[in-house]
């Protein structure tokens, strides 16, 4: 935990500072939030503030959460018991990681940034300075959703002011000085909204087919996928079951058993 705080401090501090600076500008500029405050109508300002707070809390939860580090050779039972559950004729043998020397469960991958193997590894996210894996992937998607809602709301506030409420000035220089911060916020929030929306859409699609980013990008190099067809996914149970298992089932999955059941040449 200390290492996670130390290595990710700058990224997390930057995210937090940027979030609250943008929020402060939206409250101090001549926006709907400020007008509502001046009229004593506090519902919208309070809701927006709470949404921002929720996004920050989810960011730190995902950033500091154990993504599913593999700390021992097996979770339940010995290595021999684990391997005896898996028919060796159809399932690739469990392999040892060349870095941490632990036995890798299927769908796990070693992250050289975090220095650990991660169960159901999706990717290492530099913005949260943590891996996205089995334990925090669903919360990562919830965070993206809440962050996108906050960004779209902020974009609506900034755009509305940009169109109808920007402070008038006699010259372009004075106009820019008065509205520069709002224009910067508009650009930043617009870019972040596009990025968050794309990430959310991509991850929801991959979850719906029970595939990780790593598997989608590198399937030709992954032992348990490189012999499958281009459209074949041994972990896919259908969209509804995939989404239900991902968001509603909180347990460690023995993916070797799922792989064996869904592989055509299983015995």
Protein backbone atom coordinates (compact mmCIF):
# COMPACT_ATOMS: atom_id res chain seq x y z
CA UNK A 1 0.00 0.00 0.00
CA UNK A 2 2.83 2.39 0.83
CA UNK A 3 4.40 1.69 -2.57
CA UNK A 4 1.08 2.41 -4.31
CA UNK A 5 0.78 5.74 -2.49
CA UNK A 6 4.38 6.66 -3.27
CA UNK A 7 4.45 5.82 -6.97
CA UNK A 8 1.01 7.23 -7.74
CA UNK A 9 1.05 10.34 -5.56
CA UNK A 10 1.77 12.79 -8.39
CA UNK A 11 -0.90 11.33 -10.68
CA UNK A 12 -3.53 11.24 -7.96
CA UNK A 13 -2.67 14.73 -6.75
CA UNK A 14 -2.89 16.07 -10.31
CA UNK A 15 -6.29 14.42 -10.86
CA UNK A 16 -7.67 15.77 -7.57
CA UNK A 17 -6.32 19.28 -8.09
CA UNK A 18 -7.59 19.48 -11.68
CA UNK A 19 -11.03 18.22 -10.65
CA UNK A 20 -11.49 20.80 -7.92
CA UNK A 21 -10.00 23.69 -9.93
CA UNK A 22 -12.49 23.02 -12.75
CA UNK A 23 -15.34 22.70 -10.25
CA UNK A 24 -14.34 25.95 -8.54
CA UNK A 25 -14.22 27.84 -11.86
CA UNK A 26 -17.70 26.59 -12.76
CA UNK A 27 -19.03 27.78 -9.39
CA UNK A 28 -17.30 31.18 -9.46
CA UNK A 29 -17.94 32.11 -13.09
CA UNK A 30 -21.26 33.48 -14.31
CA UNK A 31 -22.81 30.02 -14.74
CA UNK A 32 -26.15 28.45 -13.87
CA UNK A 33 -24.57 27.09 -10.70
CA UNK A 34 -23.71 30.56 -9.47
CA UNK A 35 -27.07 31.99 -10.52
CA UNK A 36 -28.87 29.23 -8.63
CA UNK A 37 -26.80 30.01 -5.54
CA UNK A 38 -27.61 33.70 -5.79
CA UNK A 39 -31.33 32.91 -6.05
CA UNK A 40 -31.13 30.54 -3.10
CA UNK A 41 -31.93 27.50 -5.27
CA UNK A 42 -29.34 25.07 -3.95
CA UNK A 43 -30.61 21.76 -5.32
CA UNK A 44 -28.66 21.74 -8.61
CA UNK A 45 -25.40 23.10 -7.12
CA UNK A 46 -25.54 20.54 -4.30
CA UNK A 47 -26.29 17.66 -6.70
CA UNK A 48 -23.43 18.68 -8.99
CA UNK A 49 -21.06 18.99 -6.03
CA UNK A 50 -22.07 15.56 -4.70
CA UNK A 51 -21.57 14.00 -8.14
CA UNK A 52 -18.05 15.45 -8.30
CA UNK A 53 -17.31 14.18 -4.77
CA UNK A 54 -18.58 10.71 -5.74
CA UNK A 55 -16.36 10.66 -8.83
CA UNK A 56 -13.31 11.59 -6.72
CA UNK A 57 -14.11 8.92 -4.10
CA UNK A 58 -14.53 6.26 -6.80
CA UNK A 59 -11.28 7.37 -8.41
CA UNK A 60 -9.35 6.81 -5.17
CA UNK A 61 -11.17 3.54 -4.47
CA UNK A 62 -10.22 2.11 -7.87
CA UNK A 63 -6.75 3.60 -7.72
CA UNK A 64 -5.88 2.18 -4.28
CA UNK A 65 -7.78 -1.12 -4.51
CA UNK A 66 -6.02 -4.45 -4.89
CA UNK A 67 -6.82 -5.33 -8.54
CA UNK A 68 -6.39 -9.04 -7.88
CA UNK A 69 -2.69 -9.55 -7.24
CA UNK A 70 -1.50 -13.17 -7.28
CA UNK A 71 0.39 -13.45 -4.00
CA UNK A 72 0.53 -17.26 -3.66
CA UNK A 73 0.60 -20.22 -6.02
CA UNK A 74 -3.08 -21.02 -5.48
CA UNK A 75 -6.09 -19.72 -3.62
CA UNK A 76 -7.59 -23.02 -2.54
CA UNK A 77 -5.62 -26.20 -2.11
CA UNK A 78 -2.26 -27.21 -3.43
CA UNK A 79 -0.90 -26.93 -6.96
CA UNK A 80 -1.54 -30.64 -7.50
CA UNK A 81 -5.17 -30.28 -6.44
CA UNK A 82 -5.62 -27.30 -8.78
CA UNK A 83 -4.10 -29.14 -11.74
CA UNK A 84 -6.14 -32.28 -11.00
CA UNK A 85 -9.31 -30.26 -11.55
CA UNK A 86 -8.22 -29.46 -15.12
CA UNK A 87 -8.14 -32.09 -17.89
CA UNK A 88 -4.64 -31.66 -19.28
CA UNK A 89 -5.58 -33.00 -22.70
CA UNK A 90 -7.56 -29.91 -23.63
CA UNK A 91 -6.38 -27.10 -21.35
CA UNK A 92 -2.97 -25.39 -21.49
CA UNK A 93 -0.95 -26.20 -18.38
CA UNK A 94 -0.61 -23.58 -15.70
CA UNK A 95 2.65 -21.70 -16.16
CA UNK A 96 5.01 -19.99 -13.77
CA UNK A 97 5.63 -16.29 -14.13
CA UNK A 98 9.16 -15.52 -15.26
CA UNK A 99 9.26 -12.42 -13.01
CA UNK A 100 7.62 -13.26 -9.66
CA UNK A 101 7.99 -17.08 -10.09
CA UNK A 102 4.42 -17.73 -8.95
CA UNK A 103 2.02 -20.00 -10.77
CA UNK A 104 -0.22 -17.91 -13.01
CA UNK A 105 -3.95 -18.69 -13.08
CA UNK A 106 -5.49 -18.57 -16.53
CA UNK A 107 -6.14 -14.98 -17.73
CA UNK A 108 -3.56 -13.60 -15.29
CA UNK A 109 -0.62 -11.50 -16.51
CA UNK A 110 2.42 -9.99 -14.85
CA UNK A 111 2.44 -6.18 -14.70
CA UNK A 112 5.99 -4.86 -14.73
CA UNK A 113 4.80 -1.52 -13.32
CA UNK A 114 3.01 -3.00 -10.29
CA UNK A 115 5.56 -5.87 -9.99
CA UNK A 116 2.81 -8.46 -9.54
CA UNK A 117 0.75 -10.91 -11.56
CA UNK A 118 -2.89 -9.77 -11.73
CA UNK A 119 -5.89 -12.10 -12.00
CA UNK A 120 -8.03 -11.52 -15.10
CA UNK A 121 -5.62 -8.77 -16.11
CA UNK A 122 -7.23 -6.08 -18.27
CA UNK A 123 -4.61 -3.32 -18.48
CA UNK A 124 -2.43 -1.02 -16.39
CA UNK A 125 -4.09 2.39 -16.32
CA UNK A 126 -1.60 5.27 -15.96
CA UNK A 127 -4.36 7.71 -14.97
CA UNK A 128 -5.23 5.74 -11.82
CA UNK A 129 -1.64 4.42 -11.52
CA UNK A 130 -2.94 0.93 -10.87
CA UNK A 131 -3.82 -2.22 -12.75
CA UNK A 132 -7.39 -2.99 -13.74
CA UNK A 133 -8.08 -6.62 -12.94
CA UNK A 134 -10.47 -9.10 -11.41
CA UNK A 135 -11.19 -7.23 -8.17
CA UNK A 136 -11.50 -3.62 -9.36
CA UNK A 137 -12.62 -3.88 -13.00
CA UNK A 138 -16.33 -3.47 -12.23
CA UNK A 139 -15.58 -0.47 -10.01
CA UNK A 140 -13.42 0.98 -12.77
CA UNK A 141 -16.43 0.91 -15.10
CA UNK A 142 -18.68 2.43 -12.42
CA UNK A 143 -16.08 5.16 -11.96
CA UNK A 144 -15.99 5.82 -15.71
CA UNK A 145 -19.79 6.12 -15.77
CA UNK A 146 -19.94 8.56 -12.84
CA UNK A 147 -16.98 10.54 -14.22
CA UNK A 148 -18.64 10.77 -17.63
CA UNK A 149 -21.90 12.03 -16.07
CA UNK A 150 -19.99 14.69 -14.12
CA UNK A 151 -18.04 15.73 -17.22
CA UNK A 152 -21.13 15.96 -19.43
CA UNK A 153 -22.92 18.04 -16.82
CA UNK A 154 -19.87 20.34 -16.54
CA UNK A 155 -19.69 20.54 -20.34
CA UNK A 156 -23.35 21.54 -20.50
CA UNK A 157 -22.75 24.27 -17.90
CA UNK A 158 -19.67 25.60 -19.70
CA UNK A 159 -21.26 25.45 -23.16
CA UNK A 160 -24.41 27.22 -22.02
CA UNK A 161 -22.35 30.06 -20.58
CA UNK A 162 -20.13 30.11 -23.68
CA UNK A 163 -23.17 30.58 -25.93
CA UNK A 164 -25.39 32.87 -23.89
CA UNK A 165 -23.63 34.21 -20.84
CA UNK A 166 -20.01 35.02 -21.61
CA UNK A 167 -19.03 38.35 -20.11
CA UNK A 168 -19.01 41.05 -22.82
CA UNK A 169 -15.90 43.24 -23.29
CA UNK A 170 -15.05 46.13 -25.62
CA UNK A 171 -11.94 44.41 -27.07
CA UNK A 172 -10.83 40.83 -27.77
CA UNK A 173 -7.95 41.15 -25.31
CA UNK A 174 -10.22 42.14 -22.44
CA UNK A 175 -12.77 39.53 -23.48
CA UNK A 176 -10.12 36.80 -23.39
CA UNK A 177 -8.85 37.94 -19.99
CA UNK A 178 -12.35 37.78 -18.54
CA UNK A 179 -13.32 34.43 -20.09
CA UNK A 180 -9.97 32.63 -20.48
CA UNK A 181 -10.46 30.28 -17.54
CA UNK A 182 -13.91 29.27 -18.74
CA UNK A 183 -12.58 28.57 -22.24
CA UNK A 184 -9.80 26.38 -20.81
CA UNK A 185 -12.38 24.49 -18.75
CA UNK A 186 -14.55 24.05 -21.85
CA UNK A 187 -11.66 22.54 -23.83
CA UNK A 188 -10.45 20.27 -21.01
CA UNK A 189 -13.90 19.01 -20.12
CA UNK A 190 -14.70 18.42 -23.79
CA UNK A 191 -11.56 16.34 -24.34
CA UNK A 192 -12.01 14.37 -21.10
CA UNK A 193 -15.66 13.70 -21.97
CA UNK A 194 -14.71 12.15 -25.31
CA UNK A 195 -11.98 10.02 -23.71
CA UNK A 196 -14.20 8.84 -20.84
CA UNK A 197 -17.07 8.08 -23.22
CA UNK A 198 -14.84 6.04 -25.53
CA UNK A 199 -13.28 4.12 -22.63
CA UNK A 200 -16.70 3.35 -21.14
CA UNK A 201 -18.07 2.14 -24.48
CA UNK A 202 -15.02 -0.05 -25.19
CA UNK A 203 -15.03 -1.64 -21.73
CA UNK A 204 -18.78 -2.32 -21.79
CA UNK A 205 -18.38 -4.03 -25.17
CA UNK A 206 -15.46 -6.16 -23.94
CA UNK A 207 -17.36 -7.09 -20.77
CA UNK A 208 -20.39 -8.09 -22.85
CA UNK A 209 -18.25 -10.65 -24.73
CA UNK A 210 -16.20 -11.61 -21.61
CA UNK A 211 -12.89 -10.45 -23.04
CA UNK A 212 -10.19 -8.29 -21.51
CA UNK A 213 -8.28 -5.50 -23.21
CA UNK A 214 -5.09 -7.57 -23.01
CA UNK A 215 -6.79 -10.61 -24.60
CA UNK A 216 -8.41 -8.48 -27.30
CA UNK A 217 -5.13 -6.81 -28.28
CA UNK A 218 -2.75 -9.77 -27.88
CA UNK A 219 -4.78 -12.92 -28.47
CA UNK A 220 -2.30 -14.14 -31.10
CA UNK A 221 0.41 -14.28 -28.41
CA UNK A 222 -1.66 -15.80 -25.56
CA UNK A 223 -1.25 -19.57 -25.22
CA UNK A 224 -4.87 -20.36 -24.41
CA UNK A 225 -6.26 -18.16 -27.24
CA UNK A 226 -3.79 -18.34 -30.13
CA UNK A 227 -5.18 -21.70 -31.30
CA UNK A 228 -8.79 -20.46 -31.18
CA UNK A 229 -10.53 -19.02 -34.21
CA UNK A 230 -10.68 -15.26 -34.74
CA UNK A 231 -14.32 -15.13 -33.61
CA UNK A 232 -14.00 -17.83 -30.94
CA UNK A 233 -13.95 -16.91 -27.25
CA UNK A 234 -13.93 -19.85 -24.81
CA UNK A 235 -15.10 -17.61 -21.94
CA UNK A 236 -18.14 -16.09 -23.70
CA UNK A 237 -21.45 -17.21 -22.13
CA UNK A 238 -23.71 -14.75 -23.94
CA UNK A 239 -24.24 -11.04 -23.36
CA UNK A 240 -26.70 -11.31 -20.46
CA UNK A 241 -24.73 -13.96 -18.56
CA UNK A 242 -21.46 -12.13 -19.16
CA UNK A 243 -22.85 -8.86 -17.80
CA UNK A 244 -24.54 -10.58 -14.86
CA UNK A 245 -21.40 -12.48 -13.89
CA UNK A 246 -19.24 -9.38 -14.21
CA UNK A 247 -21.36 -6.93 -12.21
CA UNK A 248 -23.20 -9.22 -9.80
CA UNK A 249 -20.92 -12.17 -9.00
CA UNK A 250 -18.09 -11.23 -6.62
CA UNK A 251 -15.86 -14.26 -6.40
CA UNK A 252 -12.65 -15.71 -7.78
CA UNK A 253 -13.39 -17.70 -10.94
CA UNK A 254 -11.40 -20.79 -11.92
CA UNK A 255 -11.21 -19.87 -15.60
CA UNK A 256 -9.54 -23.17 -16.46
CA UNK A 257 -12.83 -24.98 -15.78
CA UNK A 258 -14.80 -22.55 -17.97
CA UNK A 259 -12.19 -22.88 -20.71
CA UNK A 260 -12.39 -26.68 -20.63
CA UNK A 261 -16.21 -26.73 -20.80
CA UNK A 262 -16.33 -24.38 -23.80
CA UNK A 263 -13.39 -25.72 -25.81
CA UNK A 264 -14.55 -27.95 -28.69
CA UNK A 265 -11.87 -30.61 -28.14
CA UNK A 266 -12.53 -31.00 -24.41
CA UNK A 267 -12.87 -34.51 -23.07
